[in-house]
PDB file of all heavy atoms in Angstrom:
ATOM      1  N   ASN A   1     -10.500  45.756  75.296  1.00  0.00           N
ATOM      2  CA  ASN A   1     -11.607  46.486  74.660  1.00  0.00           C
ATOM      3  C   ASN A   1     -12.769  46.671  75.636  1.00  0.00           C
ATOM      4  O   ASN A   1     -13.903  46.235  75.374  1.00  0.00           O
ATOM      5  CB  ASN A   1     -12.083  45.757  73.403  1.00  0.00           C
ATOM      6  CG  ASN A   1     -11.019  45.717  72.314  1.00  0.00           C
ATOM      7  OD1 ASN A   1     -10.202  46.622  72.209  1.00  0.00           O
ATOM      8  ND2 ASN A   1     -11.027  44.657  71.521  1.00  0.00           N
ATOM      9  N   PRO A   2     -12.508  47.309  76.775  1.00  0.00           N
ATOM     10  CA  PRO A   2     -13.559  47.437  77.796  1.00  0.00           C
ATOM     11  C   PRO A   2     -14.773  48.208  77.291  1.00  0.00           C
ATOM     12  O   PRO A   2     -14.639  49.173  76.525  1.00  0.00           O
ATOM     13  CB  PRO A   2     -12.841  48.201  78.921  1.00  0.00           C
ATOM     14  CG  PRO A   2     -11.712  48.910  78.240  1.00  0.00           C
ATOM     15  CD  PRO A   2     -11.260  47.988  77.153  1.00  0.00           C
ATOM     16  N   LEU A   3     -15.950  47.765  77.752  1.00  0.00           N
ATOM     17  CA  LEU A   3     -17.200  48.393  77.333  1.00  0.00           C
ATOM     18  C   LEU A   3     -17.429  49.728  78.017  1.00  0.00           C
ATOM     19  O   LEU A   3     -18.221  50.538  77.548  1.00  0.00           O
ATOM     20  CB  LEU A   3     -18.377  47.454  77.630  1.00  0.00           C
ATOM     21  CG  LEU A   3     -18.442  46.174  76.795  1.00  0.00           C
ATOM     22  CD1 LEU A   3     -19.617  45.314  77.247  1.00  0.00           C
ATOM     23  CD2 LEU A   3     -18.560  46.502  75.313  1.00  0.00           C
ATOM     24  N   ASP A   4     -16.774  49.950  79.151  1.00  0.00           N
ATOM     25  CA  ASP A   4     -16.928  51.220  79.840  1.00  0.00           C
ATOM     26  C   ASP A   4     -15.605  51.624  80.488  1.00  0.00           C
ATOM     27  O   ASP A   4     -14.777  50.776  80.825  1.00  0.00           O
ATOM     28  CB  ASP A   4     -18.040  51.141  80.894  1.00  0.00           C
ATOM     29  CG  ASP A   4     -17.668  50.204  82.029  1.00  0.00           C
ATOM     30  OD1 ASP A   4     -17.853  48.970  81.896  1.00  0.00           O
ATOM     31  OD2 ASP A   4     -17.168  50.702  83.055  1.00  0.00           O
ATOM     32  N   GLU A   5     -15.433  52.918  80.627  1.00  0.00           N
ATOM     33  CA  GLU A   5     -14.200  53.456  81.196  1.00  0.00           C
ATOM     34  C   GLU A   5     -14.253  53.541  82.716  1.00  0.00           C
ATOM     35  O   GLU A   5     -13.307  53.192  83.413  1.00  0.00           O
ATOM     36  CB  GLU A   5     -13.937  54.864  80.631  1.00  0.00           C
ATOM     37  CG  GLU A   5     -13.636  54.889  79.149  1.00  0.00           C
ATOM     38  CD  GLU A   5     -12.327  54.219  78.814  1.00  0.00           C
ATOM     39  OE1 GLU A   5     -11.384  54.318  79.618  1.00  0.00           O
ATOM     40  OE2 GLU A   5     -12.243  53.587  77.745  1.00  0.00           O
ATOM     41  N   GLU A   6     -15.394  54.019  83.222  1.00  0.00           N
ATOM     42  CA  GLU A   6     -15.471  54.400  84.626  1.00  0.00           C
ATOM     43  C   GLU A   6     -15.449  53.222  85.585  1.00  0.00           C
ATOM     44  O   GLU A   6     -15.089  53.383  86.750  1.00  0.00           O
ATOM     45  CB  GLU A   6     -16.725  55.255  84.884  1.00  0.00           C
ATOM     46  CG  GLU A   6     -18.059  54.551  84.651  1.00  0.00           C
ATOM     47  CD  GLU A   6     -18.502  54.527  83.207  1.00  0.00           C
ATOM     48  OE1 GLU A   6     -17.737  54.972  82.338  1.00  0.00           O
ATOM     49  OE2 GLU A   6     -19.617  54.045  82.951  1.00  0.00           O
ATOM     50  N   TYR A   7     -15.778  52.031  85.114  1.00  0.00           N
ATOM     51  CA  TYR A   7     -15.792  50.878  86.018  1.00  0.00           C
ATOM     52  C   TYR A   7     -14.850  49.778  85.538  1.00  0.00           C
ATOM     53  O   TYR A   7     -13.876  49.454  86.214  1.00  0.00           O
ATOM     54  CB  TYR A   7     -17.221  50.350  86.168  1.00  0.00           C
ATOM     55  CG  TYR A   7     -17.359  49.283  87.229  1.00  0.00           C
ATOM     56  CD1 TYR A   7     -16.945  49.510  88.535  1.00  0.00           C
ATOM     57  CD2 TYR A   7     -17.904  48.037  86.922  1.00  0.00           C
ATOM     58  CE1 TYR A   7     -17.060  48.532  89.519  1.00  0.00           C
ATOM     59  CE2 TYR A   7     -18.027  47.050  87.894  1.00  0.00           C
ATOM     60  CZ  TYR A   7     -17.603  47.307  89.189  1.00  0.00           C
ATOM     61  OH  TYR A   7     -17.726  46.322  90.145  1.00  0.00           O
ATOM     62  N   THR A   8     -15.107  49.232  84.350  1.00  0.00           N
ATOM     63  CA  THR A   8     -14.299  48.100  83.883  1.00  0.00           C
ATOM     64  C   THR A   8     -12.848  48.502  83.643  1.00  0.00           C
ATOM     65  O   THR A   8     -11.925  47.890  84.184  1.00  0.00           O
ATOM     66  CB  THR A   8     -14.901  47.504  82.598  1.00  0.00           C
ATOM     67  OG1 THR A   8     -16.270  47.151  82.833  1.00  0.00           O
ATOM     68  CG2 THR A   8     -14.139  46.268  82.165  1.00  0.00           C
ATOM     69  N   ALA A   9     -12.638  49.519  82.825  1.00  0.00           N
ATOM     70  CA  ALA A   9     -11.270  49.945  82.534  1.00  0.00           C
ATOM     71  C   ALA A   9     -10.561  50.424  83.799  1.00  0.00           C
ATOM     72  O   ALA A   9      -9.396  50.094  84.036  1.00  0.00           O
ATOM     73  CB  ALA A   9     -11.278  51.046  81.477  1.00  0.00           C
ATOM     74  N   ALA A  10     -11.282  51.163  84.625  1.00  0.00           N
ATOM     75  CA  ALA A  10     -10.678  51.710  85.843  1.00  0.00           C
ATOM     76  C   ALA A  10     -10.322  50.626  86.852  1.00  0.00           C
ATOM     77  O   ALA A  10      -9.445  50.827  87.701  1.00  0.00           O
ATOM     78  CB  ALA A  10     -11.625  52.723  86.484  1.00  0.00           C
ATOM     79  N   SER A  11     -10.976  49.459  86.767  1.00  0.00           N
ATOM     80  CA  SER A  11     -10.741  48.380  87.730  1.00  0.00           C
ATOM     81  C   SER A  11      -9.582  47.471  87.340  1.00  0.00           C
ATOM     82  O   SER A  11      -9.151  46.646  88.145  1.00  0.00           O
ATOM     83  CB  SER A  11     -12.012  47.534  87.878  1.00  0.00           C
ATOM     84  OG  SER A  11     -13.089  48.309  88.368  1.00  0.00           O
ATOM     85  N   ALA A  12      -9.103  47.602  86.108  1.00  0.00           N
ATOM     86  CA  ALA A  12      -8.045  46.711  85.612  1.00  0.00           C
ATOM     87  C   ALA A  12      -6.660  47.324  85.819  1.00  0.00           C
ATOM     88  O   ALA A  12      -6.503  48.541  85.851  1.00  0.00           O
ATOM     89  CB  ALA A  12      -8.265  46.410  84.142  1.00  0.00           C
ATOM     90  N   ASP A  13      -5.664  46.462  85.923  1.00  0.00           N
ATOM     91  CA  ASP A  13      -4.280  46.936  86.017  1.00  0.00           C
ATOM     92  C   ASP A  13      -3.813  47.528  84.690  1.00  0.00           C
ATOM     93  O   ASP A  13      -3.025  48.469  84.658  1.00  0.00           O
ATOM     94  CB  ASP A  13      -3.344  45.780  86.408  1.00  0.00           C
ATOM     95  CG  ASP A  13      -3.646  45.237  87.787  1.00  0.00           C
ATOM     96  OD1 ASP A  13      -3.886  46.044  88.701  1.00  0.00           O
ATOM     97  OD2 ASP A  13      -3.650  43.999  87.940  1.00  0.00           O
ATOM     98  N   HIS A  14      -4.303  46.931  83.596  1.00  0.00           N
ATOM     99  CA  HIS A  14      -3.906  47.375  82.262  1.00  0.00           C
ATOM    100  C   HIS A  14      -5.127  47.390  81.354  1.00  0.00           C
ATOM    101  O   HIS A  14      -6.072  46.617  81.548  1.00  0.00           O
ATOM    102  CB  HIS A  14      -2.841  46.458  81.659  1.00  0.00           C
ATOM    103  CG  HIS A  14      -1.644  46.267  82.537  1.00  0.00           C
ATOM    104  ND1 HIS A  14      -0.688  47.237  82.729  1.00  0.00           N
ATOM    105  CD2 HIS A  14      -1.260  45.205  83.300  1.00  0.00           C
ATOM    106  CE1 HIS A  14       0.234  46.797  83.556  1.00  0.00           C
ATOM    107  NE2 HIS A  14      -0.090  45.560  83.921  1.00  0.00           N
ATOM    108  N   VAL A  15      -5.086  48.244  80.345  1.00  0.00           N
ATOM    109  CA  VAL A  15      -6.158  48.327  79.355  1.00  0.00           C
ATOM    110  C   VAL A  15      -5.548  48.150  77.972  1.00  0.00           C
ATOM    111  O   VAL A  15      -4.553  48.812  77.635  1.00  0.00           O
ATOM    112  CB  VAL A  15      -6.907  49.673  79.432  1.00  0.00           C
ATOM    113  CG1 VAL A  15      -7.968  49.761  78.331  1.00  0.00           C
ATOM    114  CG2 VAL A  15      -7.553  49.852  80.801  1.00  0.00           C
ATOM    115  N   VAL A  16      -6.125  47.251  77.182  1.00  0.00           N
ATOM    116  CA  VAL A  16      -5.663  47.021  75.814  1.00  0.00           C
ATOM    117  C   VAL A  16      -6.846  47.226  74.875  1.00  0.00           C
ATOM    118  O   VAL A  16      -7.897  46.590  75.045  1.00  0.00           O
ATOM    119  CB  VAL A  16      -5.098  45.593  75.630  1.00  0.00           C
ATOM    120  CG1 VAL A  16      -4.763  45.340  74.161  1.00  0.00           C
ATOM    121  CG2 VAL A  16      -3.873  45.385  76.509  1.00  0.00           C
ATOM    122  N   ARG A  17      -6.665  48.083  73.898  1.00  0.00           N
ATOM    123  CA  ARG A  17      -7.700  48.303  72.882  1.00  0.00           C
ATOM    124  C   ARG A  17      -7.112  47.888  71.542  1.00  0.00           C
ATOM    125  O   ARG A  17      -6.202  48.538  71.031  1.00  0.00           O
ATOM    126  CB  ARG A  17      -8.156  49.764  72.868  1.00  0.00           C
ATOM    127  CG  ARG A  17      -8.876  50.170  74.148  1.00  0.00           C
ATOM    128  CD  ARG A  17      -9.327  51.624  74.111  1.00  0.00           C
ATOM    129  NE  ARG A  17     -10.044  51.967  75.330  1.00  0.00           N
ATOM    130  CZ  ARG A  17      -9.457  52.359  76.462  1.00  0.00           C
ATOM    131  NH1 ARG A  17      -8.138  52.443  76.511  1.00  0.00           N
ATOM    132  NH2 ARG A  17     -10.172  52.650  77.536  1.00  0.00           N
ATOM    133  N   SER A  18      -7.610  46.801  71.015  1.00  0.00           N
ATOM    134  CA  SER A  18      -7.022  46.241  69.797  1.00  0.00           C
ATOM    135  C   SER A  18      -7.970  45.221  69.194  1.00  0.00           C
ATOM    136  O   SER A  18      -8.839  44.686  69.884  1.00  0.00           O
ATOM    137  CB  SER A  18      -5.683  45.572  70.125  1.00  0.00           C
ATOM    138  OG  SER A  18      -5.156  44.884  69.009  1.00  0.00           O
ATOM    139  N   GLU A  19      -7.781  44.940  67.918  1.00  0.00           N
ATOM    140  CA  GLU A  19      -8.523  43.857  67.278  1.00  0.00           C
ATOM    141  C   GLU A  19      -7.796  42.529  67.462  1.00  0.00           C
ATOM    142  O   GLU A  19      -8.314  41.480  67.088  1.00  0.00           O
ATOM    143  CB  GLU A  19      -8.710  44.159  65.785  1.00  0.00           C
ATOM    144  CG  GLU A  19      -9.601  45.371  65.513  1.00  0.00           C
ATOM    145  CD  GLU A  19      -9.824  45.607  64.036  1.00  0.00           C
ATOM    146  OE1 GLU A  19      -9.252  44.848  63.225  1.00  0.00           O
ATOM    147  OE2 GLU A  19     -10.571  46.541  63.697  1.00  0.00           O
ATOM    148  N   ASN A  20      -6.602  42.576  68.057  1.00  0.00           N
ATOM    149  CA  ASN A  20      -5.782  41.373  68.221  1.00  0.00           C
ATOM    150  C   ASN A  20      -5.446  41.179  69.700  1.00  0.00           C
ATOM    151  O   ASN A  20      -4.753  41.992  70.306  1.00  0.00           O
ATOM    152  CB  ASN A  20      -4.498  41.515  67.405  1.00  0.00           C
ATOM    153  CG  ASN A  20      -3.763  40.204  67.255  1.00  0.00           C
ATOM    154  OD1 ASN A  20      -3.546  39.489  68.226  1.00  0.00           O
ATOM    155  ND2 ASN A  20      -3.368  39.872  66.030  1.00  0.00           N
ATOM    156  N   ILE A  21      -5.946  40.084  70.257  1.00  0.00           N
ATOM    157  CA  ILE A  21      -5.782  39.867  71.697  1.00  0.00           C
ATOM    158  C   ILE A  21      -4.343  39.549  72.090  1.00  0.00           C
ATOM    159  O   ILE A  21      -3.972  39.663  73.258  1.00  0.00           O
ATOM    160  CB  ILE A  21      -6.739  38.747  72.183  1.00  0.00           C
ATOM    161  CG1 ILE A  21      -6.878  38.819  73.709  1.00  0.00           C
ATOM    162  CG2 ILE A  21      -6.261  37.377  71.698  1.00  0.00           C
ATOM    163  CD1 ILE A  21      -8.015  37.997  74.251  1.00  0.00           C
ATOM    164  N   SER A  22      -3.496  39.227  71.112  1.00  0.00           N
ATOM    165  CA  SER A  22      -2.098  38.941  71.454  1.00  0.00           C
ATOM    166  C   SER A  22      -1.384  40.169  72.016  1.00  0.00           C
ATOM    167  O   SER A  22      -0.310  40.040  72.616  1.00  0.00           O
ATOM    168  CB  SER A  22      -1.339  38.417  70.230  1.00  0.00           C
ATOM    169  OG  SER A  22      -1.181  39.429  69.250  1.00  0.00           O
ATOM    170  N   GLU A  23      -1.987  41.339  71.865  1.00  0.00           N
ATOM    171  CA  GLU A  23      -1.351  42.545  72.409  1.00  0.00           C
ATOM    172  C   GLU A  23      -1.345  42.566  73.938  1.00  0.00           C
ATOM    173  O   GLU A  23      -0.633  43.359  74.543  1.00  0.00           O
ATOM    174  CB  GLU A  23      -2.010  43.799  71.828  1.00  0.00           C
ATOM    175  CG  GLU A  23      -1.722  43.951  70.345  1.00  0.00           C
ATOM    176  CD  GLU A  23      -2.012  45.337  69.811  1.00  0.00           C
ATOM    177  OE1 GLU A  23      -2.061  46.287  70.613  1.00  0.00           O
ATOM    178  OE2 GLU A  23      -2.184  45.457  68.588  1.00  0.00           O
ATOM    179  N   ILE A  24      -2.112  41.674  74.568  1.00  0.00           N
ATOM    180  CA  ILE A  24      -2.037  41.581  76.034  1.00  0.00           C
ATOM    181  C   ILE A  24      -0.696  40.997  76.470  1.00  0.00           C
ATOM    182  O   ILE A  24      -0.266  41.206  77.610  1.00  0.00           O
ATOM    183  CB  ILE A  24      -3.179  40.723  76.628  1.00  0.00           C
ATOM    184  CG1 ILE A  24      -2.988  39.241  76.291  1.00  0.00           C
ATOM    185  CG2 ILE A  24      -4.549  41.241  76.196  1.00  0.00           C
ATOM    186  CD1 ILE A  24      -3.896  38.299  77.068  1.00  0.00           C
ATOM    187  N   LEU A  25      -0.033  40.282  75.565  1.00  0.00           N
ATOM    188  CA  LEU A  25       1.212  39.611  75.922  1.00  0.00           C
ATOM    189  C   LEU A  25       2.299  40.597  76.308  1.00  0.00           C
ATOM    190  O   LEU A  25       3.194  40.271  77.095  1.00  0.00           O
ATOM    191  CB  LEU A  25       1.684  38.729  74.761  1.00  0.00           C
ATOM    192  CG  LEU A  25       0.760  37.570  74.382  1.00  0.00           C
ATOM    193  CD1 LEU A  25       1.266  36.879  73.127  1.00  0.00           C
ATOM    194  CD2 LEU A  25       0.616  36.580  75.533  1.00  0.00           C
ATOM    195  N   GLU A  26       2.229  41.795  75.767  1.00  0.00           N
ATOM    196  CA  GLU A  26       3.213  42.816  76.116  1.00  0.00           C
ATOM    197  C   GLU A  26       3.229  43.057  77.621  1.00  0.00           C
ATOM    198  O   GLU A  26       4.298  43.190  78.227  1.00  0.00           O
ATOM    199  CB  GLU A  26       2.881  44.116  75.389  1.00  0.00           C
ATOM    200  CG  GLU A  26       3.770  45.288  75.758  1.00  0.00           C
ATOM    201  CD  GLU A  26       3.353  46.573  75.082  1.00  0.00           C
ATOM    202  OE1 GLU A  26       2.498  46.524  74.183  1.00  0.00           O
ATOM    203  OE2 GLU A  26       3.893  47.631  75.459  1.00  0.00           O
ATOM    204  N   PHE A  27       2.051  43.104  78.223  1.00  0.00           N
ATOM    205  CA  PHE A  27       1.974  43.330  79.670  1.00  0.00           C
ATOM    206  C   PHE A  27       2.307  42.071  80.458  1.00  0.00           C
ATOM    207  O   PHE A  27       2.967  42.130  81.478  1.00  0.00           O
ATOM    208  CB  PHE A  27       0.581  43.833  80.053  1.00  0.00           C
ATOM    209  CG  PHE A  27       0.259  45.172  79.475  1.00  0.00           C
ATOM    210  CD1 PHE A  27      -0.635  45.306  78.442  1.00  0.00           C
ATOM    211  CD2 PHE A  27       0.892  46.314  79.958  1.00  0.00           C
ATOM    212  CE1 PHE A  27      -0.921  46.547  77.895  1.00  0.00           C
ATOM    213  CE2 PHE A  27       0.611  47.570  79.427  1.00  0.00           C
ATOM    214  CZ  PHE A  27      -0.295  47.685  78.382  1.00  0.00           C
ATOM    215  N   VAL A  28       1.869  40.935  79.961  1.00  0.00           N
ATOM    216  CA  VAL A  28       2.134  39.672  80.663  1.00  0.00           C
ATOM    217  C   VAL A  28       3.633  39.430  80.780  1.00  0.00           C
ATOM    218  O   VAL A  28       4.149  39.164  81.864  1.00  0.00           O
ATOM    219  CB  VAL A  28       1.475  38.487  79.935  1.00  0.00           C
ATOM    220  CG1 VAL A  28       1.887  37.154  80.589  1.00  0.00           C
ATOM    221  CG2 VAL A  28      -0.050  38.628  79.927  1.00  0.00           C
TER     222      VAL A  28
END
């Protein structure tokens, strides 16, 4: 749930937007 697209989201390998943090497990 990055606060900005141009820096935070763009700097990450993956972006997850969800109310449930377990959705990061798909990438892990």
